[in-house]
Amino acid sequence: MNVIIWNCRGALKPTFLGYVRELIRIHNPAILVLMETKVGGERAKEITDRLPFDGVIHTDTIRYAGGLWMLWTSDKVEVKPLSSTEQEIHAMVKVMNSNFSWLFTAIYASPRSVERHILWNNLNKVAELHDMPWVIAGDFNETLTAEDKFGGRAVGVNSSLRFKECLDNCNMIDIGFSGPRFTWTNKREVQALIQPWRQPRSLREATEIFTKEANSWNRRHFGNIFVKKKNILARLKGIQRAVSIKPSTFLLNLEKELVKEFDTILRQEEELGALKSRVNWMIQGDRNTNFYHVSTLVRRKMNQILAIKNSIGDWIYEEEEIKEFIRVGFMNTFTSSFTSVPRLASVPSQWQAMLSDEEKISISRAVTEDEIKAALWSLKTFKAPGPDGLHAGFFQRFWLLLGKSVVDEVKRIFKERRVSKYLNKTHVALIPKIQGPETLGNYRPISLCNTVYKIVTKILVARLRPC
């Protein structure tokens, strides 16, 4: 009897069902456990209904993380569900045509240590309730020794000891393994780029280091996606021609690897296209690269200024002349010939909107971390970034790591009532007011501010907004 335990890292991926069916074809399992499905409820049931198993247990996800499914074939095993939580499934398993029964526990331990402690306590309690043969299998998100992992953070001694104590209490024995010692890698080289925030640095210093290293990493690892795509297609065609003449296991394996690499490039192309097109929606699993490409070209053409009329109606076509005309035009609009203005005494008017003392105190009070987080998450994920090049989505995604530096910076701004010069830098873009703009008046300037600057303004707006 075969049992497969697989951390699929998301059951909504377009390739998920294909991978599962291939595993079933090769190994013919009686029980299949899927971890980190990131799907629960009716959506999970819809997916498992499409798999060739007639028994299933789902656990709830923890927001958009976790998810544990156990599936089985009734003509091979009889499974009696006992209990389950977000991190564990307990069931009694009886092999058909035999009297052999055993307790099976499928695990997907939380990556958060506090929640793992709850799981260890649950397993200790289960151990006290039975004396049956017991198998525990899954992803424990914990290691016993430093030799069980390579790279990354050092193994925490205390957490490893707690894990070992749990296994000892449950009388568990590691049955060993065959094959590669390290069976999983997160393949997230971007984690290494976040290292500046792991050190006690200011937000400014960490941002500068990250931006420099990210640009270098992008050139090394991505390069030109479209050139890579063209090269891989050419190699695939060459391999397929060679295989048609003289089949070779080496060439077939190479073709398989190139197909995987090609699939990765297609995903990168899709994400790049969606980002450049500034489209706010995407169909799950459907590569609309042509649509995104056209949207990008349309947007780029609309935003280009290839010619503009000067004040006397003559067209300007040279790029440098257009730049100078726009710069002088806005300088004249936003400057005055007056060198000084007499300061008049302020005379309050009953018709003039004024803030009460209570409202003034409310606006200028110290800012809280909850306010900062609410302001950040109210920003659209991939709106055009400011001069630092970091979208709001970047800060949202890595909040647990870099949140403290953002909170400290925003609190400093409210305390000192001054925005640092590096945050106050802004890109100014001209947006057409009408179709086919001709004169400078047909454009309106917008400011592309840094994300932290936007957080400050969002907090102020929220405080000014009537309740």
Protein backbone atom coordinates (compact mmCIF):
# COMPACT_ATOMS: atom_id res chain seq x y z
CA MET A 1 0.00 0.00 0.00
CA ASN A 2 1.40 3.41 -0.98
CA VAL A 3 0.83 6.70 0.83
CA ILE A 4 1.88 10.01 -0.76
CA ILE A 5 2.52 13.13 1.33
CA TRP A 6 3.00 16.22 -0.84
CA ASN A 7 3.42 19.91 -0.02
CA CYS A 8 1.83 21.29 -3.19
CA ARG A 9 2.21 24.98 -2.17
CA GLY A 10 -1.12 26.02 -3.67
CA ALA A 11 -3.91 23.96 -5.25
CA LEU A 12 -5.05 26.79 -7.54
CA LYS A 13 -1.96 26.66 -9.74
CA PRO A 14 -2.78 25.72 -13.36
CA THR A 15 -0.37 22.77 -13.16
CA PHE A 16 -1.74 21.34 -9.89
CA LEU A 17 -4.22 18.79 -11.25
CA GLY A 18 -1.73 17.60 -13.86
CA TYR A 19 0.95 16.99 -11.22
CA VAL A 20 -1.47 15.10 -8.96
CA ARG A 21 -2.66 12.86 -11.78
CA GLU A 22 0.96 12.09 -12.71
CA LEU A 23 1.76 11.14 -9.10
CA ILE A 24 -1.28 8.86 -9.02
CA ARG A 25 -0.34 7.26 -12.34
CA ILE A 26 3.21 6.49 -11.18
CA HIS A 27 2.61 5.47 -7.55
CA ASN A 28 -1.05 4.37 -7.40
CA PRO A 29 -1.51 5.55 -3.77
CA ALA A 30 -4.23 4.34 -1.44
CA ILE A 31 -3.94 7.59 0.57
CA LEU A 32 -2.87 11.02 -0.67
CA VAL A 33 -2.15 13.88 1.74
CA LEU A 34 -1.85 17.38 0.29
CA MET A 35 -0.38 20.18 2.39
CA GLU A 36 -0.33 23.97 2.05
CA THR A 37 -3.21 23.91 -0.44
CA LYS A 38 -4.13 27.53 0.47
CA VAL A 39 -7.75 26.67 -0.38
CA GLY A 40 -10.68 25.77 1.84
CA GLY A 41 -14.45 25.52 1.89
CA GLU A 42 -16.47 24.89 -1.27
CA ARG A 43 -13.54 25.73 -3.54
CA ALA A 44 -11.52 22.90 -1.97
CA LYS A 45 -14.42 20.48 -2.48
CA GLU A 46 -14.70 21.47 -6.16
CA ILE A 47 -11.03 20.61 -6.71
CA THR A 48 -10.99 17.29 -4.82
CA ASP A 49 -14.19 16.18 -6.63
CA ARG A 50 -12.09 16.19 -9.80
CA LEU A 51 -9.53 13.75 -8.35
CA PRO A 52 -9.89 9.94 -8.52
CA PHE A 53 -10.56 9.42 -4.78
CA ASP A 54 -13.91 8.71 -3.12
CA GLY A 55 -12.96 9.74 0.43
CA VAL A 56 -11.70 13.13 1.56
CA ILE A 57 -11.12 15.28 4.64
CA HIS A 58 -10.46 19.03 4.36
CA THR A 59 -9.15 21.33 7.08
CA ASP A 60 -9.69 25.08 7.14
CA THR A 61 -6.99 27.39 5.87
CA ILE A 62 -5.52 30.08 8.10
CA ARG A 63 -6.67 33.07 6.04
CA TYR A 64 -4.82 32.46 2.73
CA ALA A 65 -2.19 30.12 4.17
CA GLY A 66 -2.09 26.47 5.23
CA GLY A 67 -4.70 23.99 4.14
CA LEU A 68 -4.49 20.21 4.66
CA TRP A 69 -6.37 17.56 2.65
CA MET A 70 -6.44 13.80 3.10
CA LEU A 71 -7.85 11.68 0.26
CA TRP A 72 -8.22 7.90 -0.02
CA THR A 73 -9.61 5.10 -2.18
CA SER A 74 -12.26 3.05 -0.35
CA ASP A 75 -11.58 -0.20 -2.20
CA LYS A 76 -8.00 -0.16 -0.82
CA VAL A 77 -8.38 1.23 2.69
CA GLU A 78 -11.13 1.91 5.18
CA VAL A 79 -10.63 5.30 6.81
CA LYS A 80 -12.52 6.50 9.87
CA PRO A 81 -11.98 10.24 10.54
CA LEU A 82 -11.42 10.98 14.24
CA SER A 83 -10.59 14.67 14.58
CA SER A 84 -8.85 17.54 12.80
CA THR A 85 -7.58 21.10 13.24
CA GLU A 86 -5.93 23.54 10.84
CA GLN A 87 -2.60 21.75 11.45
CA GLU A 88 -3.54 18.08 11.80
CA ILE A 89 -5.87 15.28 10.69
CA HIS A 90 -6.29 12.12 12.79
CA ALA A 91 -7.90 9.02 11.28
CA MET A 92 -8.16 5.29 11.87
CA VAL A 93 -6.92 3.32 8.84
CA LYS A 94 -7.74 -0.32 8.11
CA VAL A 95 -6.19 -2.03 5.10
CA MET A 96 -8.89 -3.87 3.10
CA ASN A 97 -8.84 -7.68 3.20
CA SER A 98 -6.83 -7.65 6.44
CA ASN A 99 -7.39 -7.14 10.17
CA PHE A 100 -4.56 -4.65 10.47
CA SER A 101 -5.60 -1.19 11.72
CA TRP A 102 -3.45 1.78 12.71
CA LEU A 103 -3.72 5.44 13.62
CA PHE A 104 -2.64 7.86 10.92
CA THR A 105 -1.93 11.55 11.58
CA ALA A 106 -1.33 13.95 8.71
CA ILE A 107 0.51 17.14 9.68
CA TYR A 108 1.02 20.58 8.23
CA ALA A 109 2.62 22.55 11.07
CA SER A 110 2.29 26.31 11.06
CA PRO A 111 5.43 28.31 10.19
CA ARG A 112 4.69 30.35 13.34
CA SER A 113 6.28 28.89 16.47
CA VAL A 114 3.39 29.79 18.80
CA GLU A 115 0.94 27.78 16.72
CA ARG A 116 3.40 24.89 16.41
CA HIS A 117 3.47 24.70 20.23
CA ILE A 118 -0.30 24.13 20.14
CA LEU A 119 0.23 21.28 17.66
CA TRP A 120 2.93 19.65 19.84
CA ASN A 121 0.56 19.79 22.83
CA ASN A 122 -2.25 18.23 20.78
CA LEU A 123 0.01 15.35 19.71
CA ASN A 124 1.09 14.79 23.33
CA LYS A 125 -2.58 14.49 24.35
CA VAL A 126 -3.34 12.06 21.51
CA ALA A 127 -0.41 9.88 22.62
CA GLU A 128 -2.03 9.48 26.04
CA LEU A 129 -5.35 8.27 24.58
CA HIS A 130 -4.31 5.15 22.65
CA ASP A 131 -1.81 2.31 22.38
CA MET A 132 -2.23 1.51 18.69
CA PRO A 133 0.42 1.51 15.94
CA TRP A 134 0.76 5.14 14.96
CA VAL A 135 2.18 6.88 11.88
CA ILE A 136 2.70 10.66 11.81
CA ALA A 137 3.62 12.12 8.44
CA GLY A 138 3.69 15.55 6.86
CA ASP A 139 5.47 18.88 7.00
CA PHE A 140 6.51 19.75 10.57
CA ASN A 141 8.13 23.08 9.60
CA GLU A 142 10.81 22.26 12.17
CA THR A 143 14.17 20.51 12.21
CA LEU A 144 15.83 18.38 14.87
CA THR A 145 19.46 19.18 14.01
CA ALA A 146 21.45 21.65 11.93
CA GLU A 147 22.28 18.81 9.49
CA ASP A 148 18.62 18.62 8.46
CA LYS A 149 18.85 21.88 6.51
CA PHE A 150 21.30 23.78 4.35
CA GLY A 151 21.60 27.56 4.29
CA GLY A 152 19.14 30.11 5.66
CA ARG A 153 18.70 30.91 9.31
CA ALA A 154 20.39 28.84 11.99
CA VAL A 155 18.31 26.13 13.66
CA GLY A 156 16.68 27.39 16.87
CA VAL A 157 17.87 25.23 19.77
CA ASN A 158 14.80 25.77 21.96
CA SER A 159 12.29 25.08 19.19
CA SER A 160 14.19 21.94 18.13
CA LEU A 161 14.20 20.67 21.72
CA ARG A 162 10.45 21.20 22.01
CA PHE A 163 9.94 19.28 18.76
CA LYS A 164 12.18 16.42 19.96
CA GLU A 165 10.35 16.29 23.30
CA CYS A 166 7.04 15.93 21.46
CA LEU A 167 8.36 13.08 19.28
CA ASP A 168 9.76 11.31 22.36
CA ASN A 169 6.45 11.62 24.22
CA CYS A 170 4.67 10.11 21.20
CA ASN A 171 7.25 7.27 21.01
CA MET A 172 8.04 8.20 17.42
CA ILE A 173 10.96 6.75 15.46
CA ASP A 174 12.34 8.37 12.31
CA ILE A 175 12.12 5.60 9.69
CA GLY A 176 14.80 7.23 7.56
CA PHE A 177 14.74 7.96 3.85
CA SER A 178 16.16 7.09 0.47
CA GLY A 179 17.09 9.61 -2.18
CA PRO A 180 18.34 13.22 -1.84
CA ARG A 181 18.91 14.43 1.71
CA PHE A 182 17.48 17.89 1.00
CA THR A 183 14.09 17.45 -0.66
CA TRP A 184 12.82 21.01 -0.74
CA THR A 185 14.08 24.48 -1.53
CA ASN A 186 12.08 27.69 -1.45
CA LYS A 187 13.93 28.95 -4.57
CA ARG A 188 13.33 32.47 -3.36
CA GLU A 189 16.58 34.26 -4.02
CA VAL A 190 14.71 37.50 -3.42
CA GLN A 191 14.82 36.63 0.30
CA ALA A 192 18.55 37.30 0.22
CA LEU A 193 17.82 40.77 -1.16
CA ILE A 194 15.78 41.63 1.93
CA GLN A 195 18.87 41.20 4.13
CA PRO A 196 19.35 44.99 4.54
CA TRP A 197 16.22 45.01 6.73
CA ARG A 198 17.52 42.17 8.91
CA GLN A 199 20.21 44.53 10.22
CA PRO A 200 19.53 47.47 12.57
CA ARG A 201 19.52 50.05 9.78
CA SER A 202 17.37 53.11 9.09
CA LEU A 203 14.69 52.91 6.41
CA ARG A 204 16.70 55.21 4.15
CA GLU A 205 19.90 53.14 4.37
CA ALA A 206 18.09 49.81 3.96
CA THR A 207 16.13 51.11 0.94
CA GLU A 208 19.27 52.38 -0.81
CA ILE A 209 21.11 49.08 -0.31
CA PHE A 210 18.11 47.04 -1.42
CA THR A 211 17.50 49.12 -4.56
CA LYS A 212 21.13 48.78 -5.63
CA GLU A 213 21.24 45.01 -5.03
CA ALA A 214 17.80 44.43 -6.61
CA ASN A 215 18.86 46.17 -9.83
CA SER A 216 21.99 44.00 -10.01
CA TRP A 217 19.98 40.83 -9.23
CA ASN A 218 17.43 41.70 -11.90
CA ARG A 219 20.13 42.02 -14.57
CA ARG A 220 21.79 38.74 -13.53
CA HIS A 221 18.71 36.54 -13.16
CA PHE A 222 16.10 37.98 -15.52
CA GLY A 223 17.95 39.87 -18.21
CA ASN A 224 15.78 40.17 -21.29
CA ILE A 225 12.83 37.79 -20.87
CA PHE A 226 11.88 37.98 -24.53
CA VAL A 227 15.38 37.05 -25.73
CA LYS A 228 15.44 34.11 -23.29
CA LYS A 229 12.06 32.96 -24.57
CA LYS A 230 13.25 33.09 -28.17
CA ASN A 231 16.44 31.15 -27.33
CA ILE A 232 14.59 28.39 -25.45
CA LEU A 233 12.09 27.97 -28.29
CA ALA A 234 14.98 27.60 -30.74
CA ARG A 235 16.64 24.97 -28.52
CA LEU A 236 13.36 23.05 -28.13
CA LYS A 237 12.86 22.96 -31.90
CA GLY A 238 16.41 21.69 -32.38
CA ILE A 239 15.95 18.94 -29.76
CA GLN A 240 12.63 17.86 -31.24
CA ARG A 241 14.19 17.58 -34.71
CA ALA A 242 17.08 15.52 -33.31
CA VAL A 243 14.73 13.23 -31.34
CA SER A 244 12.62 12.58 -34.43
CA ILE A 245 15.76 11.29 -36.19
CA LYS A 246 17.44 9.44 -33.32
CA PRO A 247 15.61 9.18 -29.96
CA SER A 248 17.78 9.74 -26.89
CA THR A 249 17.01 9.62 -23.17
CA PHE A 250 19.40 12.51 -22.58
CA LEU A 251 17.63 14.69 -25.16
CA LEU A 252 14.19 13.80 -23.78
CA ASN A 253 15.28 14.75 -20.25
CA LEU A 254 16.80 17.97 -21.55
CA GLU A 255 13.57 18.76 -23.39
CA LYS A 256 11.62 18.25 -20.16
CA GLU A 257 13.90 20.67 -18.30
CA LEU A 258 13.63 23.27 -21.06
CA VAL A 259 9.82 22.99 -21.04
CA LYS A 260 9.84 23.73 -17.29
CA GLU A 261 12.13 26.71 -17.85
CA PHE A 262 9.91 27.89 -20.71
CA ASP A 263 6.85 27.69 -18.42
CA THR A 264 8.67 29.85 -15.86
CA ILE A 265 9.50 32.44 -18.51
CA LEU A 266 5.87 32.50 -19.66
CA ARG A 267 4.78 33.29 -16.10
CA GLN A 268 7.39 36.02 -15.85
CA GLU A 269 6.25 37.45 -19.18
CA GLU A 270 2.65 37.43 -17.97
CA GLU A 271 3.50 39.18 -14.69
CA LEU A 272 5.68 41.74 -16.45
CA GLY A 273 2.96 42.44 -19.00
CA ALA A 274 0.27 42.81 -16.35
CA LEU A 275 2.47 45.18 -14.35
CA LYS A 276 3.36 47.36 -17.33
CA SER A 277 -0.20 47.45 -18.66
CA ARG A 278 -1.41 48.60 -15.22
CA VAL A 279 -4.44 46.34 -15.55
CA ASN A 280 -5.96 45.73 -12.10
CA TRP A 281 -7.35 42.28 -12.75
CA MET A 282 -6.07 38.96 -14.02
CA ILE A 283 -7.81 35.69 -14.89
CA GLN A 284 -6.41 32.86 -12.76
CA GLY A 285 -4.39 30.47 -14.89
CA ASP A 286 -5.03 32.28 -18.19
CA ARG A 287 -2.06 33.92 -19.84
CA ASN A 288 -3.39 37.09 -21.47
CA THR A 289 0.04 38.22 -22.61
CA ASN A 290 -1.25 39.57 -25.95
CA PHE A 291 -3.90 41.59 -24.12
CA TYR A 292 -1.37 42.96 -21.64
CA HIS A 293 1.09 43.75 -24.44
CA VAL A 294 -1.55 45.69 -26.40
CA SER A 295 -2.64 47.51 -23.21
CA THR A 296 0.98 48.47 -22.54
CA LEU A 297 1.46 49.81 -26.08
CA VAL A 298 -1.79 51.79 -25.95
CA ARG A 299 -0.89 53.26 -22.58
CA ARG A 300 2.66 54.08 -23.69
CA LYS A 301 1.45 55.78 -26.87
CA MET A 302 -1.09 57.86 -24.92
CA ASN A 303 1.57 59.01 -22.46
CA GLN A 304 4.21 59.94 -25.04
CA ILE A 305 4.61 63.58 -26.02
CA LEU A 306 6.01 63.50 -29.54
CA ALA A 307 5.09 67.12 -30.37
CA ILE A 308 3.55 70.16 -28.68
CA LYS A 309 2.38 73.64 -29.75
CA ASN A 310 4.11 76.67 -28.30
CA SER A 311 2.41 79.91 -27.25
CA ILE A 312 2.17 81.22 -30.82
CA GLY A 313 0.78 77.97 -32.26
CA ASP A 314 3.95 76.57 -33.84
CA TRP A 315 4.67 72.85 -33.39
CA ILE A 316 7.79 71.74 -31.53
CA TYR A 317 9.15 68.29 -32.49
CA GLU A 318 12.65 68.06 -31.05
CA GLU A 319 12.75 66.15 -27.73
CA GLU A 320 15.11 68.57 -25.95
CA GLU A 321 13.08 71.57 -27.12
CA ILE A 322 9.85 69.92 -25.88
CA LYS A 323 11.43 69.28 -22.46
CA GLU A 324 12.65 72.88 -22.13
CA PHE A 325 9.28 74.32 -23.25
CA ILE A 326 7.39 72.22 -20.65
CA ARG A 327 9.89 73.07 -17.87
CA VAL A 328 9.72 76.83 -18.55
CA GLY A 329 5.95 76.68 -18.94
CA PHE A 330 5.36 75.17 -15.51
CA MET A 331 7.98 77.44 -13.90
CA ASN A 332 6.08 80.46 -15.20
CA THR A 333 2.79 78.99 -13.98
CA PHE A 334 3.94 78.26 -10.44
CA THR A 335 6.24 81.23 -9.78
CA SER A 336 5.54 84.91 -9.25
CA SER A 337 7.36 88.12 -10.09
CA PHE A 338 6.78 89.36 -6.54
CA THR A 339 9.84 89.03 -4.35
CA SER A 340 7.91 89.63 -1.10
CA VAL A 341 4.33 89.92 0.07
CA PRO A 342 3.22 92.11 3.01
CA ARG A 343 1.97 89.99 5.92
CA LEU A 344 -1.51 91.12 6.92
CA ALA A 345 -3.04 90.46 10.28
CA SER A 346 -5.34 87.46 10.23
CA VAL A 347 -8.96 88.49 10.66
CA PRO A 348 -11.23 85.52 11.47
CA SER A 349 -14.51 85.37 9.61
CA GLN A 350 -17.66 83.59 10.71
CA TRP A 351 -17.88 82.11 7.21
CA GLN A 352 -14.33 80.80 7.26
CA ALA A 353 -13.89 77.08 7.98
CA MET A 354 -11.80 76.64 11.11
CA LEU A 355 -10.57 73.74 13.20
CA SER A 356 -11.55 73.51 16.84
CA ASP A 357 -8.86 72.99 19.47
CA GLU A 358 -10.02 69.38 19.84
CA GLU A 359 -9.68 68.81 16.08
CA LYS A 360 -6.21 70.34 16.04
CA ILE A 361 -5.08 68.01 18.82
CA SER A 362 -6.63 65.02 17.03
CA ILE A 363 -4.77 65.76 13.78
CA SER A 364 -1.39 66.35 15.39
CA ARG A 365 -1.47 63.50 17.92
CA ALA A 366 1.14 60.74 17.85
CA VAL A 367 0.58 58.11 15.19
CA THR A 368 -0.04 54.43 16.04
CA GLU A 369 1.18 51.30 14.30
CA ASP A 370 -2.44 50.33 13.51
CA GLU A 371 -2.94 53.66 11.69
CA ILE A 372 0.23 53.10 9.68
CA LYS A 373 -0.76 49.55 8.68
CA ALA A 374 -4.30 50.65 7.75
CA ALA A 375 -2.89 53.43 5.56
CA LEU A 376 -0.45 51.09 3.82
CA TRP A 377 -3.05 48.42 3.10
CA SER A 378 -5.44 51.05 1.71
CA LEU A 379 -2.94 51.73 -1.09
CA LYS A 380 -3.29 49.82 -4.34
CA THR A 381 -0.63 47.15 -4.60
CA PHE A 382 1.06 48.01 -7.90
CA LYS A 383 0.29 51.66 -8.53
CA ALA A 384 3.15 53.62 -10.09
CA PRO A 385 5.99 53.91 -7.52
CA GLY A 386 7.96 56.99 -6.58
CA PRO A 387 11.70 57.62 -7.07
CA ASP A 388 12.64 54.71 -4.77
CA GLY A 389 10.89 52.29 -7.16
CA LEU A 390 9.15 50.34 -4.35
CA HIS A 391 5.42 49.66 -4.75
CA ALA A 392 3.04 49.49 -1.80
CA GLY A 393 2.80 45.75 -2.56
CA PHE A 394 6.48 45.32 -1.65
CA PHE A 395 5.95 46.76 1.82
CA GLN A 396 2.75 44.75 2.28
CA ARG A 397 4.41 41.48 1.22
CA PHE A 398 7.43 41.87 3.50
CA TRP A 399 5.76 43.76 6.35
CA LEU A 400 6.85 41.30 9.04
CA LEU A 401 10.46 41.98 8.13
CA LEU A 402 10.58 45.68 7.27
CA GLY A 403 7.47 46.94 9.07
CA LYS A 404 9.42 48.20 12.09
CA SER A 405 11.62 50.49 9.98
CA VAL A 406 8.51 51.95 8.28
CA VAL A 407 6.72 52.46 11.61
CA ASP A 408 9.78 54.14 13.13
CA GLU A 409 10.14 56.49 10.14
CA VAL A 410 6.45 57.52 10.09
CA LYS A 411 6.41 58.05 13.87
CA ARG A 412 9.53 60.22 13.56
CA ILE A 413 7.82 62.33 10.86
CA PHE A 414 4.77 62.96 13.07
CA LYS A 415 6.97 63.71 16.08
CA GLU A 416 9.31 66.13 14.29
CA ARG A 417 6.59 67.44 11.90
CA ARG A 418 9.05 67.21 9.02
CA VAL A 419 9.41 64.77 6.10
CA SER A 420 12.97 63.73 5.30
CA LYS A 421 14.38 65.06 2.04
CA TYR A 422 14.84 61.57 0.55
CA LEU A 423 11.13 60.79 1.08
CA ASN A 424 10.06 64.17 -0.28
CA LYS A 425 11.54 63.47 -3.71
CA THR A 426 8.84 63.09 -6.35
CA HIS A 427 8.54 62.16 -10.01
CA VAL A 428 6.16 64.43 -11.91
CA ALA A 429 4.26 62.96 -14.86
CA LEU A 430 2.05 64.76 -17.35
CA ILE A 431 -1.34 63.15 -18.00
CA PRO A 432 -3.45 64.17 -21.04
CA LYS A 433 -6.73 65.85 -20.10
CA ILE A 434 -8.24 65.20 -23.53
CA GLN A 435 -7.81 62.92 -26.54
CA GLY A 436 -5.13 64.30 -28.86
CA PRO A 437 -3.61 66.99 -26.60
CA GLU A 438 -1.75 69.77 -28.39
CA THR A 439 -0.87 72.53 -25.92
CA LEU A 440 0.65 72.55 -22.45
CA GLY A 441 -2.76 73.38 -20.99
CA ASN A 442 -4.08 70.04 -22.27
CA TYR A 443 -1.89 68.20 -19.72
CA ARG A 444 -2.19 67.98 -15.95
CA PRO A 445 0.81 67.16 -13.75
CA ILE A 446 0.59 64.35 -11.19
CA SER A 447 3.12 63.48 -8.52
CA LEU A 448 4.49 59.95 -8.16
CA CYS A 449 5.42 59.88 -4.47
CA ASN A 450 7.32 57.34 -2.43
CA THR A 451 5.16 54.81 -0.58
CA VAL A 452 6.12 56.02 2.91
CA TYR A 453 5.18 59.58 1.89
CA LYS A 454 1.79 58.25 0.73
CA ILE A 455 1.30 56.53 4.09
CA VAL A 456 1.76 59.87 5.90
CA THR A 457 -0.72 61.67 3.64
CA LYS A 458 -3.24 58.83 3.96
CA ILE A 459 -3.11 59.11 7.76
CA LEU A 460 -3.66 62.88 7.61
CA VAL A 461 -6.58 62.50 5.21
CA ALA A 462 -8.16 59.85 7.43
CA ARG A 463 -7.89 62.17 10.42
CA LEU A 464 -9.39 65.11 8.50
CA ARG A 465 -12.25 63.04 7.08
CA PRO A 466 -15.53 63.62 8.94
CA CYS A 467 -16.59 60.66 11.06
